[in-house]
Amino acid sequence: MAITESFVLPQRMYFVDLRTAETMEALFNPSELEESLEVLYNELGVPGLSHSPLQYSGTGNHKFGFELYAVGDGATQRAQIEDFRRFLLSLCYPAAAADSVLTGAPPRVLFVWPELVSLQARILGVTFKHQRFALDGGTTRYVATLKVSEIRDARLTSEDVRRLGTMRSGSAGESPV
């Protein structure tokens, strides 16, 4: 590795609000990303059989959990970390113009961690742990714990996942597989 490569910052995780097209980059990449997927089976009760056969009923949504850190002491940095907090919170509420069941949910989000994840999702939950404060009471450090779940409008197959992994949506507005 060349010495200049050791100083290059990695691309950061980002989110795109697919309702407004607003894009927000994480202030720092998480140090860990928890990924989970549940395969759903029904246990069939067969009288007289020594076991319960499993019948496949579907695959759950791909879920991710991670922590995002935000740190900033200067006025500009504090404004930036507060803006990021408000952006994350906004992804948990429907739009003011929501007038139906379809539009009355929080927005879809394009969740991207370059070279690892790119898919449409919804924020299932966010928790903020405020850890450090300025003299005026404003937050200078927090940790946001996020839970994100993929959403799809089309069937996803074993072959799709083998070919694409979790890189299933390349840009804002592009439909999932």
C-alpha atoms as a PDB file:
ATOM      1  CA  MET A   1       0.000   0.000   0.000  1.00  0.00           C
ATOM      2  CA  ALA A   2       1.318   3.429  -0.949  1.00  0.00           C
ATOM      3  CA  ILE A   3       1.723   5.916   1.886  1.00  0.00           C
ATOM      4  CA  THR A   4      -0.889   8.228   0.329  1.00  0.00           C
ATOM      5  CA  GLU A   5      -3.489   5.433   0.434  1.00  0.00           C
ATOM      6  CA  SER A   6      -3.169   5.214   4.200  1.00  0.00           C
ATOM      7  CA  PHE A   7      -4.479   8.797   4.513  1.00  0.00           C
ATOM      8  CA  VAL A   8      -7.546   8.373   2.306  1.00  0.00           C
ATOM      9  CA  LEU A   9     -10.786   8.432   4.272  1.00  0.00           C
ATOM     10  CA  PRO A  10     -13.232   5.615   3.506  1.00  0.00           C
ATOM     11  CA  GLN A  11     -16.506   6.402   1.798  1.00  0.00           C
ATOM     12  CA  ARG A  12     -19.187   6.999   4.377  1.00  0.00           C
ATOM     13  CA  MET A  13     -22.558   5.393   4.849  1.00  0.00           C
ATOM     14  CA  TYR A  14     -25.445   7.574   3.699  1.00  0.00           C
ATOM     15  CA  PHE A  15     -29.208   7.714   3.598  1.00  0.00           C
ATOM     16  CA  VAL A  16     -31.544   9.144   0.975  1.00  0.00           C
ATOM     17  CA  ASP A  17     -35.099  10.109   1.926  1.00  0.00           C
ATOM     18  CA  LEU A  18     -36.878   8.730  -1.160  1.00  0.00           C
ATOM     19  CA  ARG A  19     -39.838  11.073  -0.622  1.00  0.00           C
ATOM     20  CA  THR A  20     -37.791  14.294  -0.717  1.00  0.00           C
ATOM     21  CA  ALA A  21     -34.525  13.023  -2.307  1.00  0.00           C
ATOM     22  CA  GLU A  22     -32.605  14.637   0.567  1.00  0.00           C
ATOM     23  CA  THR A  23     -29.298  12.847   1.102  1.00  0.00           C
ATOM     24  CA  MET A  24     -27.440  12.777   4.403  1.00  0.00           C
ATOM     25  CA  GLU A  25     -24.026  11.224   4.926  1.00  0.00           C
ATOM     26  CA  ALA A  26     -23.132   9.734   8.301  1.00  0.00           C
ATOM     27  CA  LEU A  27     -20.657  11.889  10.185  1.00  0.00           C
ATOM     28  CA  PHE A  28     -18.567   8.759  10.881  1.00  0.00           C
ATOM     29  CA  ASN A  29     -18.940   5.192   9.653  1.00  0.00           C
ATOM     30  CA  PRO A  30     -20.056   2.753  12.332  1.00  0.00           C
ATOM     31  CA  SER A  31     -17.358   0.504  13.720  1.00  0.00           C
ATOM     32  CA  GLU A  32     -19.763  -2.463  13.496  1.00  0.00           C
ATOM     33  CA  LEU A  33     -22.765  -3.433  11.411  1.00  0.00           C
ATOM     34  CA  GLU A  34     -25.125  -6.131  12.630  1.00  0.00           C
ATOM     35  CA  GLU A  35     -26.979  -7.902   9.840  1.00  0.00           C
ATOM     36  CA  SER A  36     -29.795 -10.393  10.339  1.00  0.00           C
ATOM     37  CA  LEU A  37     -32.148 -12.413   8.199  1.00  0.00           C
ATOM     38  CA  GLU A  38     -34.851 -14.774   9.382  1.00  0.00           C
ATOM     39  CA  VAL A  39     -36.137 -17.736   7.407  1.00  0.00           C
ATOM     40  CA  LEU A  40     -39.760 -18.459   8.316  1.00  0.00           C
ATOM     41  CA  TYR A  41     -41.143 -21.988   8.592  1.00  0.00           C
ATOM     42  CA  ASN A  42     -44.424 -23.421   9.819  1.00  0.00           C
ATOM     43  CA  GLU A  43     -44.282 -26.590  11.883  1.00  0.00           C
ATOM     44  CA  LEU A  44     -46.742 -29.095  10.486  1.00  0.00           C
ATOM     45  CA  GLY A  45     -48.469 -31.376  12.936  1.00  0.00           C
ATOM     46  CA  VAL A  46     -48.811 -34.828  11.411  1.00  0.00           C
ATOM     47  CA  PRO A  47     -50.632 -37.321  13.681  1.00  0.00           C
ATOM     48  CA  GLY A  48     -48.446 -40.301  14.516  1.00  0.00           C
ATOM     49  CA  LEU A  49     -45.254 -38.792  13.033  1.00  0.00           C
ATOM     50  CA  SER A  50     -42.252 -38.649  15.366  1.00  0.00           C
ATOM     51  CA  HIS A  51     -41.398 -35.079  14.343  1.00  0.00           C
ATOM     52  CA  SER A  52     -42.936 -31.904  12.969  1.00  0.00           C
ATOM     53  CA  PRO A  53     -42.022 -31.319   9.317  1.00  0.00           C
ATOM     54  CA  LEU A  54     -41.053 -27.747   8.492  1.00  0.00           C
ATOM     55  CA  GLN A  55     -42.874 -26.001   5.658  1.00  0.00           C
ATOM     56  CA  TYR A  56     -41.204 -22.898   4.229  1.00  0.00           C
ATOM     57  CA  SER A  57     -43.499 -19.889   4.458  1.00  0.00           C
ATOM     58  CA  GLY A  58     -41.146 -17.072   3.454  1.00  0.00           C
ATOM     59  CA  THR A  59     -38.020 -15.145   4.252  1.00  0.00           C
ATOM     60  CA  GLY A  60     -38.173 -12.160   6.561  1.00  0.00           C
ATOM     61  CA  ASN A  61     -36.867  -8.738   5.706  1.00  0.00           C
ATOM     62  CA  HIS A  62     -33.130  -8.171   5.800  1.00  0.00           C
ATOM     63  CA  LYS A  63     -32.405  -6.143   8.947  1.00  0.00           C
ATOM     64  CA  PHE A  64     -29.435  -4.057  10.021  1.00  0.00           C
ATOM     65  CA  GLY A  65     -28.452  -2.575  13.352  1.00  0.00           C
ATOM     66  CA  PHE A  66     -25.627  -0.149  14.018  1.00  0.00           C
ATOM     67  CA  GLU A  67     -24.483   2.852  15.995  1.00  0.00           C
ATOM     68  CA  LEU A  68     -23.656   6.233  14.498  1.00  0.00           C
ATOM     69  CA  TYR A  69     -21.451   8.643  16.416  1.00  0.00           C
ATOM     70  CA  ALA A  70     -21.718  12.410  16.232  1.00  0.00           C
ATOM     71  CA  VAL A  71     -19.116  14.666  17.834  1.00  0.00           C
ATOM     72  CA  GLY A  72     -18.618  18.397  17.474  1.00  0.00           C
ATOM     73  CA  ASP A  73     -17.481  21.202  19.740  1.00  0.00           C
ATOM     74  CA  GLY A  74     -17.559  24.228  17.433  1.00  0.00           C
ATOM     75  CA  ALA A  75     -20.763  26.030  16.467  1.00  0.00           C
ATOM     76  CA  THR A  76     -20.629  24.720  12.883  1.00  0.00           C
ATOM     77  CA  GLN A  77     -20.017  21.144  14.008  1.00  0.00           C
ATOM     78  CA  ARG A  78     -22.770  21.330  16.628  1.00  0.00           C
ATOM     79  CA  ALA A  79     -25.205  22.587  13.992  1.00  0.00           C
ATOM     80  CA  GLN A  80     -24.168  19.724  11.720  1.00  0.00           C
ATOM     81  CA  ILE A  81     -24.695  17.025  14.367  1.00  0.00           C
ATOM     82  CA  GLU A  82     -28.082  18.512  15.296  1.00  0.00           C
ATOM     83  CA  ASP A  83     -29.092  18.614  11.614  1.00  0.00           C
ATOM     84  CA  PHE A  84     -28.147  14.938  11.247  1.00  0.00           C
ATOM     85  CA  ARG A  85     -30.185  14.069  14.364  1.00  0.00           C
ATOM     86  CA  ARG A  86     -33.219  15.904  12.970  1.00  0.00           C
ATOM     87  CA  PHE A  87     -32.809  14.157   9.612  1.00  0.00           C
ATOM     88  CA  LEU A  88     -32.812  10.730  11.290  1.00  0.00           C
ATOM     89  CA  LEU A  89     -35.868  11.672  13.352  1.00  0.00           C
ATOM     90  CA  SER A  90     -37.675  12.910  10.221  1.00  0.00           C
ATOM     91  CA  LEU A  91     -37.327   9.427   8.710  1.00  0.00           C
ATOM     92  CA  CYS A  92     -39.604   8.137  11.498  1.00  0.00           C
ATOM     93  CA  TYR A  93     -42.660  10.303  10.704  1.00  0.00           C
ATOM     94  CA  PRO A  94     -45.096  10.654   7.784  1.00  0.00           C
ATOM     95  CA  ALA A  95     -45.169  13.787   5.637  1.00  0.00           C
ATOM     96  CA  ALA A  96     -47.572  16.617   6.460  1.00  0.00           C
ATOM     97  CA  ALA A  97     -49.313  16.077   3.115  1.00  0.00           C
ATOM     98  CA  ALA A  98     -50.059  12.403   3.871  1.00  0.00           C
ATOM     99  CA  ASP A  99     -53.673  11.750   2.997  1.00  0.00           C
ATOM    100  CA  SER A 100     -53.906   7.980   2.665  1.00  0.00           C
ATOM    101  CA  VAL A 101     -52.679   4.749   4.150  1.00  0.00           C
ATOM    102  CA  LEU A 102     -50.048   4.523   1.396  1.00  0.00           C
ATOM    103  CA  THR A 103     -48.631   8.005   1.973  1.00  0.00           C
ATOM    104  CA  GLY A 104     -49.285   8.055   5.717  1.00  0.00           C
ATOM    105  CA  ALA A 105     -46.169   6.073   6.661  1.00  0.00           C
ATOM    106  CA  PRO A 106     -42.637   7.334   7.223  1.00  0.00           C
ATOM    107  CA  PRO A 107     -40.638   7.598   4.001  1.00  0.00           C
ATOM    108  CA  ARG A 108     -38.721   4.873   2.280  1.00  0.00           C
ATOM    109  CA  VAL A 109     -34.999   5.316   2.671  1.00  0.00           C
ATOM    110  CA  LEU A 110     -32.186   4.306   0.376  1.00  0.00           C
ATOM    111  CA  PHE A 111     -29.642   2.867   2.814  1.00  0.00           C
ATOM    112  CA  VAL A 112     -26.128   2.761   1.354  1.00  0.00           C
ATOM    113  CA  TRP A 113     -22.805   1.671   2.762  1.00  0.00           C
ATOM    114  CA  PRO A 114     -20.569   1.754  -0.329  1.00  0.00           C
ATOM    115  CA  GLU A 115     -19.440  -1.674  -1.541  1.00  0.00           C
ATOM    116  CA  LEU A 116     -21.538  -3.470   1.108  1.00  0.00           C
ATOM    117  CA  VAL A 117     -25.200  -2.415   1.268  1.00  0.00           C
ATOM    118  CA  SER A 118     -27.495  -0.545  -1.107  1.00  0.00           C
ATOM    119  CA  LEU A 119     -31.188  -1.201  -0.655  1.00  0.00           C
ATOM    120  CA  GLN A 120     -34.514   0.421   0.074  1.00  0.00           C
ATOM    121  CA  ALA A 121     -35.473   0.313   3.724  1.00  0.00           C
ATOM    122  CA  ARG A 122     -37.467   1.833   6.520  1.00  0.00           C
ATOM    123  CA  ILE A 123     -36.116   3.000   9.834  1.00  0.00           C
ATOM    124  CA  LEU A 124     -37.634   0.701  12.476  1.00  0.00           C
ATOM    125  CA  GLY A 125     -36.265   2.679  15.377  1.00  0.00           C
ATOM    126  CA  VAL A 126     -33.623   5.120  16.485  1.00  0.00           C
ATOM    127  CA  THR A 127     -32.292   5.750  19.975  1.00  0.00           C
ATOM    128  CA  PHE A 128     -30.096   8.713  20.855  1.00  0.00           C
ATOM    129  CA  LYS A 129     -27.736   8.602  23.796  1.00  0.00           C
ATOM    130  CA  HIS A 130     -26.542  12.142  24.478  1.00  0.00           C
ATOM    131  CA  GLN A 131     -23.121  11.847  26.106  1.00  0.00           C
ATOM    132  CA  ARG A 132     -21.505  15.267  26.247  1.00  0.00           C
ATOM    133  CA  PHE A 133     -22.851  18.799  26.486  1.00  0.00           C
ATOM    134  CA  ALA A 134     -21.637  22.345  25.916  1.00  0.00           C
ATOM    135  CA  LEU A 135     -21.902  25.016  28.601  1.00  0.00           C
ATOM    136  CA  ASP A 136     -25.144  26.250  26.995  1.00  0.00           C
ATOM    137  CA  GLY A 137     -26.669  22.755  27.274  1.00  0.00           C
ATOM    138  CA  GLY A 138     -26.384  21.808  23.588  1.00  0.00           C
ATOM    139  CA  THR A 139     -25.215  18.314  22.693  1.00  0.00           C
ATOM    140  CA  THR A 140     -21.596  17.976  21.578  1.00  0.00           C
ATOM    141  CA  ARG A 141     -21.591  14.165  21.389  1.00  0.00           C
ATOM    142  CA  TYR A 142     -24.262  11.520  20.914  1.00  0.00           C
ATOM    143  CA  VAL A 143     -24.553   7.953  19.774  1.00  0.00           C
ATOM    144  CA  ALA A 144     -27.539   7.079  17.587  1.00  0.00           C
ATOM    145  CA  THR A 145     -28.514   3.410  17.561  1.00  0.00           C
ATOM    146  CA  LEU A 146     -30.493   2.544  14.429  1.00  0.00           C
ATOM    147  CA  LYS A 147     -32.557  -0.425  13.351  1.00  0.00           C
ATOM    148  CA  VAL A 148     -33.231  -0.606   9.614  1.00  0.00           C
ATOM    149  CA  SER A 149     -35.338  -3.116   7.678  1.00  0.00           C
ATOM    150  CA  GLU A 150     -35.291  -3.707   3.932  1.00  0.00           C
ATOM    151  CA  ILE A 151     -38.532  -3.280   2.016  1.00  0.00           C
ATOM    152  CA  ARG A 152     -39.206  -4.780  -1.395  1.00  0.00           C
ATOM    153  CA  ASP A 153     -41.936  -4.470  -3.979  1.00  0.00           C
ATOM    154  CA  ALA A 154     -40.815  -7.496  -5.956  1.00  0.00           C
ATOM    155  CA  ARG A 155     -39.964 -11.097  -5.210  1.00  0.00           C
ATOM    156  CA  LEU A 156     -36.338 -11.703  -4.288  1.00  0.00           C
ATOM    157  CA  THR A 157     -34.878 -15.087  -5.188  1.00  0.00           C
ATOM    158  CA  SER A 158     -31.842 -17.091  -4.174  1.00  0.00           C
ATOM    159  CA  GLU A 159     -30.282 -16.316  -7.552  1.00  0.00           C
ATOM    160  CA  ASP A 160     -30.828 -12.557  -7.071  1.00  0.00           C
ATOM    161  CA  VAL A 161     -29.129 -12.644  -3.683  1.00  0.00           C
ATOM    162  CA  ARG A 162     -26.275 -14.791  -4.978  1.00  0.00           C
ATOM    163  CA  ARG A 163     -25.702 -12.308  -7.814  1.00  0.00           C
ATOM    164  CA  LEU A 164     -26.318  -9.016  -5.986  1.00  0.00           C
ATOM    165  CA  GLY A 165     -25.842  -9.711  -2.277  1.00  0.00           C
ATOM    166  CA  THR A 166     -27.142  -6.648  -0.429  1.00  0.00           C
ATOM    167  CA  MET A 167     -26.327  -4.287  -3.329  1.00  0.00           C
ATOM    168  CA  ARG A 168     -29.916  -4.323  -4.567  1.00  0.00           C
ATOM    169  CA  SER A 169     -30.607  -0.700  -5.387  1.00  0.00           C
ATOM    170  CA  GLY A 170     -28.000   1.516  -6.979  1.00  0.00           C
ATOM    171  CA  SER A 171     -29.445   5.006  -6.727  1.00  0.00           C
ATOM    172  CA  ALA A 172     -32.276   7.089  -5.384  1.00  0.00           C
ATOM    173  CA  GLY A 173     -35.463   6.367  -7.274  1.00  0.00           C
ATOM    174  CA  GLU A 174     -34.205   3.069  -8.732  1.00  0.00           C
ATOM    175  CA  SER A 175     -36.642   0.316  -7.968  1.00  0.00           C
ATOM    176  CA  PRO A 176     -35.492  -2.736  -6.016  1.00  0.00           C
ATOM    177  CA  VAL A 177     -34.947  -6.118  -7.621  1.00  0.00           C
END
